[in-house]
Protein backbone atom coordinates (compact mmCIF):
# COMPACT_ATOMS: atom_id res chain seq x y z
CA ALA A 1 7.87 -34.41 -15.65
CA VAL A 2 4.09 -35.46 -14.37
CA LEU A 3 1.76 -37.94 -16.54
CA LEU A 4 -1.57 -36.94 -16.67
CA HIS A 5 -4.35 -39.04 -17.74
CA GLY A 6 -8.38 -38.43 -18.05
CA PRO A 7 -10.22 -35.81 -16.64
CA LEU A 8 -7.30 -34.72 -15.08
CA PHE A 9 -5.06 -34.04 -17.70
CA ASP A 10 -8.17 -32.23 -19.09
CA LEU A 11 -8.43 -29.81 -16.39
CA VAL A 12 -4.42 -28.99 -16.33
CA TRP A 13 -4.57 -28.90 -19.96
CA GLN A 14 -7.46 -26.20 -19.82
CA ALA A 15 -5.81 -24.37 -17.32
CA ARG A 16 -2.23 -24.49 -19.02
CA ARG A 17 -4.10 -23.30 -22.33
CA LEU A 18 -4.89 -20.32 -20.52
CA ARG A 19 -1.59 -18.86 -19.65
CA ARG A 20 -0.75 -19.38 -23.03
CA SER A 21 -3.52 -18.19 -25.11
CA PRO A 22 -3.09 -15.57 -27.22
CA PRO A 23 -0.08 -17.78 -28.36
CA LEU A 24 2.61 -14.77 -28.76
CA ALA A 25 4.74 -16.73 -31.66
CA LYS A 26 1.89 -16.62 -33.64
CA ALA A 27 0.69 -12.75 -33.11
CA VAL A 28 4.30 -11.60 -33.46
CA ALA A 29 4.83 -13.75 -36.95
CA SER A 30 1.29 -12.20 -38.26
CA PRO A 31 1.12 -10.20 -41.26
CA GLY A 32 0.70 -6.97 -39.61
CA ALA A 33 3.44 -7.42 -37.11
CA VAL A 34 6.50 -5.30 -38.68
CA SER A 35 9.72 -4.99 -37.30
CA GLY A 36 9.78 -1.83 -35.73
CA GLU A 37 5.87 -1.10 -35.59
CA ARG A 38 4.33 0.14 -32.38
CA SER A 39 1.27 -1.22 -32.06
CA GLU A 40 -1.19 -2.34 -29.24
CA VAL A 41 -2.29 -5.56 -29.92
CA ALA A 42 -5.43 -6.88 -27.63
CA SER A 43 -6.38 -10.33 -26.58
CA PRO A 44 -9.36 -11.82 -28.46
CA PRO A 45 -12.29 -11.05 -26.28
CA ALA A 46 -14.50 -14.23 -24.66
CA ARG A 47 -17.31 -12.78 -23.85
CA ALA A 48 -19.39 -14.64 -26.36
CA ALA A 49 -18.37 -17.51 -24.17
CA LEU A 50 -19.84 -16.19 -21.01
CA SER A 51 -22.82 -17.65 -19.09
CA LYS A 52 -25.98 -15.49 -18.89
CA ASP A 53 -27.21 -16.90 -16.23
CA THR A 54 -28.33 -13.64 -14.03
CA ASP A 55 -27.75 -15.29 -10.91
CA ASP A 56 -24.04 -15.61 -11.52
CA ARG A 57 -21.97 -13.78 -9.51
CA VAL A 58 -18.34 -13.19 -10.76
CA GLY A 59 -15.03 -12.64 -8.14
CA VAL A 60 -12.18 -12.69 -8.89
CA LEU A 61 -9.30 -13.48 -6.13
CA LEU A 62 -5.75 -12.18 -6.62
CA LEU A 63 -2.93 -13.84 -4.76
CA ASN A 64 0.33 -11.94 -3.47
CA LEU A 65 2.81 -11.99 -0.66
CA GLY A 66 2.18 -9.22 1.45
CA GLY A 67 4.28 -7.02 2.99
CA PRO A 68 4.36 -4.66 6.14
CA ASP A 69 2.35 -1.24 6.10
CA ARG A 70 4.29 0.46 8.96
CA LEU A 71 7.72 0.03 10.46
CA GLU A 72 5.59 -1.21 13.57
CA ASP A 73 3.98 -4.05 11.15
CA VAL A 74 7.48 -5.50 10.02
CA GLU A 75 8.49 -7.67 13.47
CA PRO A 76 4.50 -9.57 13.42
CA PHE A 77 5.14 -10.03 9.55
CA LEU A 78 8.29 -11.78 9.99
CA TYR A 79 7.09 -13.93 12.79
CA ASN A 80 3.82 -14.77 10.06
CA LEU A 81 6.60 -15.72 7.62
CA PHE A 82 8.86 -17.51 10.06
CA ALA A 83 5.63 -19.49 11.38
CA ASP A 84 5.16 -21.05 7.86
CA PRO A 85 6.91 -24.57 7.55
CA ASP A 86 7.56 -23.58 3.88
CA ILE A 87 9.88 -20.98 5.10
CA ILE A 88 11.35 -22.94 7.68
CA ARG A 89 11.32 -26.37 7.79
CA LEU A 90 11.90 -27.91 11.62
CA PRO A 91 13.01 -31.57 11.80
CA SER A 92 10.71 -34.24 12.26
CA GLY A 93 9.62 -34.26 15.96
CA LEU A 94 10.31 -30.85 16.82
CA GLU A 95 7.64 -29.16 14.81
CA PHE A 96 5.94 -28.08 18.24
CA LEU A 97 9.09 -25.10 17.97
CA GLN A 98 7.76 -23.97 15.10
CA ARG A 99 5.95 -20.96 16.82
CA PRO A 100 8.26 -20.32 19.71
CA LEU A 101 10.92 -20.29 16.74
CA ALA A 102 9.13 -17.96 15.00
CA ARG A 103 8.87 -15.28 18.11
CA ILE A 104 12.58 -15.50 18.56
CA ALA A 105 13.48 -15.17 14.94
CA SER A 106 11.41 -12.22 14.21
CA ALA A 107 12.40 -10.41 17.31
CA GLY A 108 16.06 -11.00 16.32
CA ARG A 109 15.47 -10.22 12.71
CA ALA A 110 13.06 -6.66 13.03
CA PRO A 111 15.93 -4.53 13.73
CA LYS A 112 17.50 -5.13 10.29
CA SER A 113 14.13 -5.18 8.12
CA ARG A 114 13.03 -2.39 9.70
CA GLU A 115 16.25 -0.28 8.75
CA ALA A 116 15.48 -1.55 5.37
CA TYR A 117 11.77 -0.36 5.18
CA SER A 118 12.51 2.63 6.93
CA SER A 119 14.79 3.30 3.23
CA ILE A 120 12.19 3.15 1.08
CA GLY A 121 9.42 5.44 3.08
CA GLY A 122 8.80 3.25 6.37
CA GLY A 123 6.63 0.52 5.10
CA SER A 124 5.72 -1.45 1.95
CA PRO A 125 3.41 0.17 -0.90
CA LEU A 126 2.81 -3.74 -2.09
CA ARG A 127 -0.85 -3.61 -0.25
CA ALA A 128 -1.78 -0.07 -1.58
CA ILE A 129 -0.80 -1.05 -5.10
CA THR A 130 -2.34 -4.51 -5.37
CA GLU A 131 -5.73 -2.99 -4.20
CA GLN A 132 -5.10 -0.43 -6.74
CA GLN A 133 -4.72 -3.20 -9.49
CA ALA A 134 -7.74 -4.94 -8.35
CA ARG A 135 -9.88 -2.08 -8.49
CA ALA A 136 -8.26 -1.25 -12.15
CA ILE A 137 -9.10 -4.88 -13.07
CA GLU A 138 -13.01 -4.41 -11.63
CA GLU A 139 -13.09 -1.14 -14.31
CA ALA A 140 -11.50 -3.22 -17.02
CA LEU A 141 -13.90 -6.24 -16.64
CA ALA A 142 -16.75 -3.66 -16.43
CA ALA A 143 -15.54 -2.07 -19.54
CA ARG A 144 -15.58 -5.27 -21.44
CA GLY A 145 -19.15 -6.05 -20.49
CA GLN A 146 -18.42 -7.96 -16.97
CA PRO A 147 -19.61 -6.88 -13.56
CA ALA A 148 -17.26 -8.71 -11.28
CA ARG A 149 -15.80 -7.85 -7.77
CA VAL A 150 -11.98 -8.59 -6.99
CA TYR A 151 -10.68 -9.35 -3.80
CA VAL A 152 -6.65 -9.10 -2.57
CA ALA A 153 -5.28 -11.91 -0.81
CA MET A 154 -2.05 -11.54 0.84
CA ARG A 155 -0.07 -14.67 2.26
CA TYR A 156 1.51 -12.93 5.20
CA TRP A 157 -0.04 -9.65 5.63
CA ASN A 158 -3.32 -7.70 5.67
CA PRO A 159 -5.59 -8.71 4.02
CA PHE A 160 -4.98 -12.07 4.72
CA THR A 161 -6.20 -14.89 2.30
CA GLU A 162 -8.82 -15.93 4.74
CA GLU A 163 -10.21 -12.64 5.32
CA ALA A 164 -10.49 -12.44 1.36
CA VAL A 165 -12.12 -15.88 1.20
CA GLN A 166 -14.48 -14.87 4.00
CA ALA A 167 -15.61 -11.58 2.18
CA ILE A 168 -16.19 -13.79 -1.07
CA LYS A 169 -18.67 -15.97 0.90
CA HIS A 170 -20.45 -13.03 2.55
CA ASP A 171 -20.83 -11.48 -0.74
CA GLY A 172 -22.62 -14.85 -2.56
CA ILE A 173 -19.75 -15.24 -5.34
CA ASN A 174 -20.68 -18.53 -7.19
CA ARG A 175 -18.31 -17.99 -9.64
CA LEU A 176 -14.45 -17.18 -9.09
CA VAL A 177 -11.01 -16.86 -10.80
CA VAL A 178 -7.91 -17.48 -8.83
CA LEU A 179 -5.22 -14.91 -10.49
CA PRO A 180 -1.75 -15.09 -8.41
CA LEU A 181 -0.13 -12.14 -9.42
CA TYR A 182 3.18 -13.69 -10.26
CA PRO A 183 3.48 -14.57 -14.04
CA GLN A 184 5.32 -17.61 -13.62
CA PHE A 185 4.23 -20.46 -11.21
CA SER A 186 6.13 -21.68 -8.20
CA ILE A 187 5.49 -24.11 -5.11
CA SER A 188 6.77 -21.27 -3.01
CA THR A 189 4.42 -18.41 -4.09
CA SER A 190 1.17 -19.37 -6.04
CA GLY A 191 1.72 -22.74 -5.12
CA SER A 192 2.26 -21.80 -1.14
CA SER A 193 -1.31 -19.82 -1.60
CA LEU A 194 -2.74 -22.34 -3.68
CA ARG A 195 -1.98 -24.81 -0.84
CA LEU A 196 -3.94 -22.52 2.08
CA ILE A 197 -7.09 -22.09 -0.44
CA GLU A 198 -7.44 -26.00 -0.43
CA LYS A 199 -7.05 -26.04 3.06
CA LEU A 200 -9.89 -23.57 3.23
CA PHE A 201 -12.05 -24.94 0.73
CA ARG A 202 -12.08 -28.23 2.68
CA GLN A 203 -12.71 -26.55 5.68
CA ASP A 204 -16.17 -24.95 4.67
CA GLU A 205 -19.34 -26.64 3.63
CA TYR A 206 -20.45 -23.43 1.23
CA LEU A 207 -17.18 -23.14 -0.44
CA ALA A 208 -16.77 -26.69 -1.02
CA ALA A 209 -20.43 -27.26 -2.28
CA CYS A 210 -21.95 -23.79 -3.85
CA LEU A 211 -18.36 -22.09 -5.26
CA LYS A 212 -17.38 -22.82 -8.56
CA HIS A 213 -13.70 -21.90 -9.44
CA THR A 214 -10.56 -21.96 -11.53
CA VAL A 215 -7.01 -20.87 -11.31
CA ILE A 216 -4.87 -19.53 -13.63
CA PRO A 217 -1.72 -20.98 -12.87
CA SER A 218 0.98 -18.40 -14.70
CA TRP A 219 0.11 -16.12 -17.75
CA TYR A 220 3.97 -15.35 -18.74
CA GLN A 221 3.46 -16.08 -22.08
CA ARG A 222 -0.03 -13.82 -22.81
CA ARG A 223 0.92 -11.43 -25.46
CA GLY A 224 -0.27 -8.11 -23.54
CA TYR A 225 1.79 -8.82 -20.90
CA VAL A 226 4.86 -9.46 -22.96
CA SER A 227 4.02 -6.58 -24.85
CA ALA A 228 3.67 -4.62 -21.64
CA MET A 229 7.20 -5.58 -20.54
CA ALA A 230 8.74 -4.92 -23.75
CA ASP A 231 6.97 -1.55 -23.75
CA LEU A 232 8.74 -0.48 -20.54
CA ILE A 233 12.28 -1.51 -21.75
CA GLU A 234 11.82 0.38 -24.58
CA ARG A 235 11.04 3.19 -22.67
CA GLU A 236 13.96 3.43 -20.63
CA LEU A 237 16.48 2.63 -23.56
CA LEU A 238 15.03 5.60 -25.19
CA GLY A 239 14.70 7.77 -22.05
CA SER A 240 16.84 9.48 -19.62
CA SER A 241 18.17 6.44 -18.07
CA PHE A 242 20.85 6.66 -20.63
CA THR A 243 20.95 9.63 -22.29
CA GLY A 244 19.77 11.91 -25.06
CA GLU A 245 19.99 12.14 -28.63
CA ALA A 246 23.84 11.96 -28.61
CA ASP A 247 23.88 8.41 -27.15
CA ALA A 248 21.34 7.20 -29.88
CA ASP A 249 23.74 5.26 -31.28
CA ARG A 250 25.17 3.96 -28.13
CA ARG A 251 21.87 1.90 -26.94
CA GLY A 252 22.96 -0.88 -28.28
CA ASP A 253 25.72 -1.09 -25.40
CA VAL A 254 23.29 -1.31 -22.77
CA GLN A 255 23.02 -4.65 -20.87
CA ILE A 256 19.28 -5.61 -20.16
CA PHE A 257 19.98 -7.11 -16.71
CA PHE A 258 16.60 -9.86 -15.77
CA SER A 259 16.52 -10.35 -12.16
CA ALA A 260 14.30 -12.65 -10.54
CA HIS A 261 13.25 -13.74 -7.17
CA GLY A 262 15.16 -17.11 -6.62
CA VAL A 263 14.12 -20.37 -5.25
CA PRO A 264 16.14 -23.16 -3.85
CA THR A 265 17.51 -25.96 -6.76
CA SER A 266 15.69 -28.32 -4.70
CA TYR A 267 12.07 -27.01 -5.56
CA VAL A 268 13.38 -27.53 -9.05
CA GLU A 269 15.36 -30.45 -9.50
CA GLU A 270 13.60 -32.70 -6.28
CA ALA A 271 10.17 -31.21 -6.23
CA GLY A 272 9.70 -30.64 -10.19
CA ASP A 273 8.98 -26.67 -9.74
CA PRO A 274 8.34 -25.32 -12.80
CA TYR A 275 9.33 -21.95 -12.35
CA LYS A 276 13.20 -22.30 -13.59
CA ALA A 277 11.75 -23.11 -17.05
CA GLU A 278 8.76 -20.87 -17.17
CA MET A 279 11.19 -17.78 -16.24
CA GLU A 280 13.96 -18.95 -19.28
CA GLU A 281 10.37 -18.97 -21.73
CA CYS A 282 9.08 -15.81 -20.30
CA VAL A 283 12.69 -13.64 -20.88
CA GLY A 284 13.06 -15.22 -24.05
CA LEU A 285 9.86 -14.30 -25.12
CA ILE A 286 10.12 -10.77 -23.92
CA MET A 287 13.93 -10.34 -25.44
CA ALA A 288 11.97 -11.59 -28.98
CA GLU A 289 9.61 -8.88 -28.98
CA VAL A 290 12.49 -6.31 -28.20
CA ARG A 291 14.38 -7.46 -30.69
CA ARG A 292 11.15 -7.60 -33.36
CA ARG A 293 11.08 -3.89 -32.07
CA GLY A 294 14.56 -3.37 -33.64
CA TYR A 295 16.90 -3.36 -30.69
CA ALA A 296 19.56 -5.79 -30.47
CA ASN A 297 20.98 -5.78 -26.98
CA ALA A 298 22.37 -8.29 -25.09
CA HIS A 299 20.87 -9.74 -21.97
CA THR A 300 21.34 -11.42 -18.91
CA LEU A 301 19.05 -13.39 -16.46
CA ALA A 302 19.79 -13.75 -12.76
CA TYR A 303 18.46 -14.68 -9.53
CA GLN A 304 18.30 -12.88 -6.30
CA SER A 305 17.32 -12.96 -2.58
CA ARG A 306 19.08 -16.02 -1.77
CA VAL A 307 19.19 -17.42 1.77
CA GLY A 308 21.62 -19.23 3.86
CA PRO A 309 24.02 -21.89 2.58
CA VAL A 310 21.37 -24.14 0.47
CA GLU A 311 22.04 -23.65 -3.25
CA TRP A 312 19.67 -21.75 -5.20
CA LEU A 313 18.88 -21.04 -8.98
CA LYS A 314 22.11 -19.81 -10.55
CA PRO A 315 23.42 -17.40 -11.42
CA TYR A 316 23.11 -15.26 -8.68
CA THR A 317 22.18 -11.61 -9.17
CA ASP A 318 25.09 -10.09 -7.06
CA ALA A 319 27.49 -12.41 -8.51
CA THR A 320 26.32 -11.69 -12.15
CA ILE A 321 26.38 -7.98 -11.91
CA GLU A 322 30.09 -8.27 -10.48
CA GLU A 323 31.19 -10.32 -13.32
CA LEU A 324 29.20 -7.99 -15.82
CA GLY A 325 31.43 -5.05 -14.42
CA ALA A 326 34.68 -6.95 -14.63
CA GLY A 327 34.16 -7.90 -18.19
CA GLY A 328 33.63 -4.28 -19.47
CA CYS A 329 29.91 -3.75 -19.19
CA ARG A 330 29.58 0.12 -18.41
CA ARG A 331 25.53 0.47 -18.98
CA LEU A 332 23.18 -1.89 -17.15
CA LEU A 333 19.07 -1.89 -17.51
CA ALA A 334 17.91 -3.82 -14.52
CA VAL A 335 14.38 -5.48 -15.30
CA PRO A 336 12.72 -7.00 -12.06
CA ILE A 337 11.25 -9.68 -13.78
CA SER A 338 9.24 -11.76 -11.04
CA PHE A 339 7.30 -8.78 -9.74
CA VAL A 340 4.11 -6.68 -11.07
CA SER A 341 4.45 -4.14 -8.27
CA GLU A 342 7.19 -2.07 -6.37
CA HIS A 343 7.97 -3.33 -3.24
CA ILE A 344 11.20 -4.26 -0.74
CA GLU A 345 12.64 -6.54 -3.39
CA THR A 346 12.60 -3.76 -6.04
CA LEU A 347 13.02 -0.60 -4.09
CA GLU A 348 15.64 -1.69 -1.66
CA GLU A 349 17.22 -4.90 -2.96
CA ILE A 350 17.66 -3.46 -6.76
CA ASP A 351 17.48 0.38 -6.42
CA ILE A 352 19.73 0.34 -3.77
CA GLU A 353 22.00 -2.80 -2.90
CA TYR A 354 22.20 -4.08 -6.67
CA LYS A 355 22.55 -0.46 -7.80
CA GLU A 356 25.56 0.24 -5.39
CA LEU A 357 27.56 -2.71 -6.19
CA ALA A 358 27.21 -2.23 -10.22
CA LEU A 359 28.69 1.13 -9.57
CA GLU A 360 31.49 -0.41 -7.48
CA SER A 361 31.75 -3.03 -10.01
CA GLY A 362 32.90 -0.70 -12.93
CA VAL A 363 29.17 -0.24 -14.13
CA LYS A 364 29.08 3.54 -15.16
CA GLU A 365 25.34 4.06 -15.63
CA TRP A 366 22.41 2.10 -14.47
CA GLY A 367 18.72 2.21 -15.30
CA ARG A 368 16.11 0.07 -13.69
CA VAL A 369 12.72 -0.83 -15.56
CA PRO A 370 9.70 0.12 -13.36
CA ALA A 371 7.38 -2.97 -12.06
CA LEU A 372 3.99 -2.98 -14.07
CA GLY A 373 1.88 -1.48 -11.54
CA LEU A 374 -1.30 0.26 -12.99
CA ASN A 375 0.13 -0.62 -17.00
CA GLU A 376 -3.05 0.15 -18.97
CA GLY A 377 -1.91 -2.59 -21.38
CA PHE A 378 -1.07 -5.32 -18.45
CA ILE A 379 -4.27 -4.39 -16.39
CA GLY A 380 -6.22 -4.87 -19.76
CA ASP A 381 -4.65 -8.21 -20.49
CA MET A 382 -5.28 -9.41 -16.86
CA ALA A 383 -8.88 -8.43 -17.16
CA ASP A 384 -9.19 -10.60 -20.84
CA ALA A 385 -7.24 -13.70 -18.76
CA VAL A 386 -9.92 -13.43 -16.32
CA LEU A 387 -13.00 -13.28 -19.21
CA GLU A 388 -10.70 -16.43 -21.01
CA ALA A 389 -11.21 -18.13 -17.85
CA LEU A 390 -14.52 -17.96 -17.07
CA PRO A 391 -15.84 -20.77 -19.53
CA TYR A 392 -13.59 -23.19 -18.03
CA VAL A 393 -14.89 -22.59 -13.87
CA GLY A 394 -15.25 -26.08 -12.64
CA THR A 395 -17.04 -26.94 -9.60
CA ILE A 396 -15.83 -28.11 -6.35
CA THR A 397 -17.83 -31.21 -4.42
CA ALA A 398 -17.22 -32.13 -0.96
CA ALA A 399 -19.42 -34.99 -0.94
CA SER A 400 -18.01 -38.48 -0.07
CA VAL A 401 -14.23 -36.88 0.43
CA PRO A 402 -12.56 -39.21 2.98
CA ALA A 403 -10.08 -37.52 5.25
CA GLY A 404 -6.42 -36.52 3.72
CA ALA A 405 -8.05 -37.28 0.11
CA SER A 406 -8.02 -34.14 -2.70
CA LEU A 407 -11.24 -32.98 -3.43
CA PRO A 408 -12.70 -34.48 -6.40
CA ASN A 409 -13.36 -32.16 -9.53
CA SER A 410 -11.63 -29.01 -7.83
CA THR A 411 -9.38 -27.13 -9.86
CA VAL A 412 -7.04 -25.89 -6.85
CA PRO A 413 -6.14 -29.68 -5.98
CA ASP A 414 -5.72 -30.96 -9.48
CA LEU A 415 -3.22 -28.10 -9.79
CA LEU A 416 -1.47 -28.59 -7.09
CA ASP A 417 -1.29 -32.44 -7.81
CA ALA A 418 0.22 -31.72 -11.31
CA TYR A 419 2.56 -28.79 -10.18
CA ASP A 420 3.44 -29.85 -6.68
CA ARG A 421 2.63 -33.09 -5.76
CA GLU A 422 5.06 -33.53 -2.75
CA ARG A 423 3.31 -30.31 -1.30
CA GLU A 424 3.23 -32.14 2.42
CA ALA A 425 6.90 -32.97 2.11
CA LEU A 426 8.82 -30.09 0.02
CA PRO A 427 12.26 -30.12 0.26
CA PRO A 428 13.27 -27.24 3.19
CA PRO A 429 14.18 -23.90 1.57
CA VAL A 430 16.18 -23.30 5.10
CA GLU A 431 17.01 -26.20 7.56
CA VAL A 432 16.74 -24.63 11.03
CA TRP A 433 20.89 -25.18 11.61
CA GLN A 434 21.62 -23.77 8.17
CA TRP A 435 20.58 -20.17 8.59
CA GLY A 436 23.03 -17.63 7.34
CA TRP A 437 22.34 -13.85 6.81
CA THR A 438 21.23 -11.20 4.02
CA LYS A 439 20.68 -7.76 3.84
CA SER A 440 17.56 -8.22 1.68
CA ALA A 441 14.85 -7.72 4.18
CA GLU A 442 12.40 -10.10 2.67
CA THR A 443 14.51 -13.02 2.90
CA TRP A 444 15.33 -12.72 6.46
CA ASN A 445 16.85 -15.11 8.71
CA GLY A 446 20.04 -14.79 10.59
CA ARG A 447 22.68 -15.84 12.88
CA ILE A 448 21.85 -13.74 15.37
CA ALA A 449 18.35 -15.37 15.45
CA MET A 450 19.50 -18.70 15.58
CA ALA A 451 22.11 -18.16 18.29
CA ALA A 452 18.54 -16.67 20.39
CA PHE A 453 16.77 -19.80 19.53
CA SER A 454 19.69 -22.17 20.58
CA THR A 455 20.48 -20.79 23.91
CA ALA A 456 16.97 -20.60 25.09
CA LEU A 457 16.38 -24.17 23.57
CA LEU A 458 19.49 -25.87 25.62
CA ILE A 459 18.20 -23.72 28.77
CA GLU A 460 14.72 -25.40 28.68
CA ILE A 461 15.79 -28.82 27.72
CA THR A 462 18.50 -28.55 30.69
CA SER A 463 16.54 -26.31 33.57
CA GLY A 464 13.07 -26.60 32.99
CA GLU A 465 13.35 -22.38 33.09
CA GLY A 466 14.66 -19.78 31.00
CA VAL A 467 13.24 -16.89 28.56
CA LEU A 468 10.32 -18.98 26.75
CA HIS A 469 8.80 -19.97 29.88
CA ALA A 470 9.71 -16.36 30.88
CA LEU A 471 7.74 -15.05 27.83
CA GLY A 472 5.17 -17.61 28.48
CA ILE A 473 5.72 -19.53 25.06
CA MET A 474 6.45 -22.77 27.08
CA ARG A 475 4.70 -24.17 30.27
C-alpha cells in the first residue's frame, strides 16, 4: 500500500473519485432498480462545473497499445515492442544491446506473428476501431455541449504517442483529459504510456508551462461501463450462441468465462500494481449487475497471454479451460474483460486458439461476447467521464525542476508516484535468457530469436566479426 499525504493525496484521491463515479452499488440499490427491469442509466452530467472561458481548447488523449495495420508492418511493430525495456529487460551493463537484440528478435518472431495476423484478415483492426471510438466520443461530447478534439496515442505503432502530443501542441489545446482505453490500471499498459507522456512533457517547454491536464487512471467501476458489459453478456445468453426458445431453461448451464490479459505476478507482489485487485472487483461488479437482471450463471476469471517461464497471474486461461471441460462444463461464454476493441488477442487467441482448446477439452457449445467497440452506452459513458474529469484539470509547472525530479503539480507524475513508484526499476516481465514460446502473436518472444541473438553475440565477442557487423548494427 502507498501512504499519501497533503496535496499529492488530494490529487490522487480526486483522480480515484473519477473512476468510482457514479458508484455502481448505489445505482444498483436505487428504488428504481427492479430485478429484471431493463433501463438505461446515464451518469450525472458535469456541465455545470465546466469553465466558460471561451479561450479554452479542450482535448482528450486516448491511450492504447497499437498493432500492425498490414502484414509488412508486423516486423517493425515487433521491433518497437522488443526495443522497450519494459518488454525485454537486459542485465545491467548490457543496455546498449537493446536495439540490436530487438532487431534480431523481431526478425525471428515475425513469421509466426504474420501467420497469426493473416488468420484475422492481414492486420490488426485496432487503429481503425480506436479512431472510430475517438470520433464517436467527440460527437458524444458535442451532443453534451462540450466541443473537444479527441486524439489517439498508440504506444508501439501509428499513430504514435509522440505524434499525438505534437498534434495537441499544434492545435493549441490547453485543457487535456488523458483517457487510457484500459478499464483497469496496470503499470504495464496505462503506466507504460504515462511514463512516455511524462518524458514528453518534461522535454517540451510549451507542454510543461501551458498545458493543463488530468488523467483518468481507470474506470472499471463506472455504471455505464458495467451496464454495457452486462448488456453484451445478456445478449449472448439470449442469442444464437446458445440457441433458441427450447433452450431457455438451460441458459443457467452456460459458464461465463472472463479472460483478462495477464501480467507478471512480480508486478503485483513487488511493484504494487493494482491490476489484479481492480480486475477482480470489475468482474464482481459486472456479475452483480448480471445477477440483478435475473441470471444465476456461474463465472470464472482467468488470465491469458503469458510469456516465458516466469510466473504470471493465475489461473491461466488455457489451463482453466481444460479444467472446466474435464469437470463437465459443456457450454462456455468467453468474455474478453481487459479489452474494449477487437484485436489479435480476441480475434486470434480467444476466437481461434481458446475455442479450439475448449472443444478439444469437452465443451460442446462456445460463445464469445464481442468487445465494446462503438457500443452506444460505452461511448456515452466515456464522454461523461471526460466531462466529470474537466473540473480536476491541473497545471504542469516546469520552473525550478531539478534533473531527475518529478514535475510539481502535474497529474501524470503524481499518478505514477502513486501507482508506479518504482517505474525506473520495474520487475522484468521477460529476462533475456528466460524467453519461452507462445503462439499468441502479441506476446512475441521465442527460442529461435534467443538462439540467434546468443550466436551473434558470441561471434561478436570472440572474433569482432559476424552478423551484427554485417548488418551494420555494431561497428
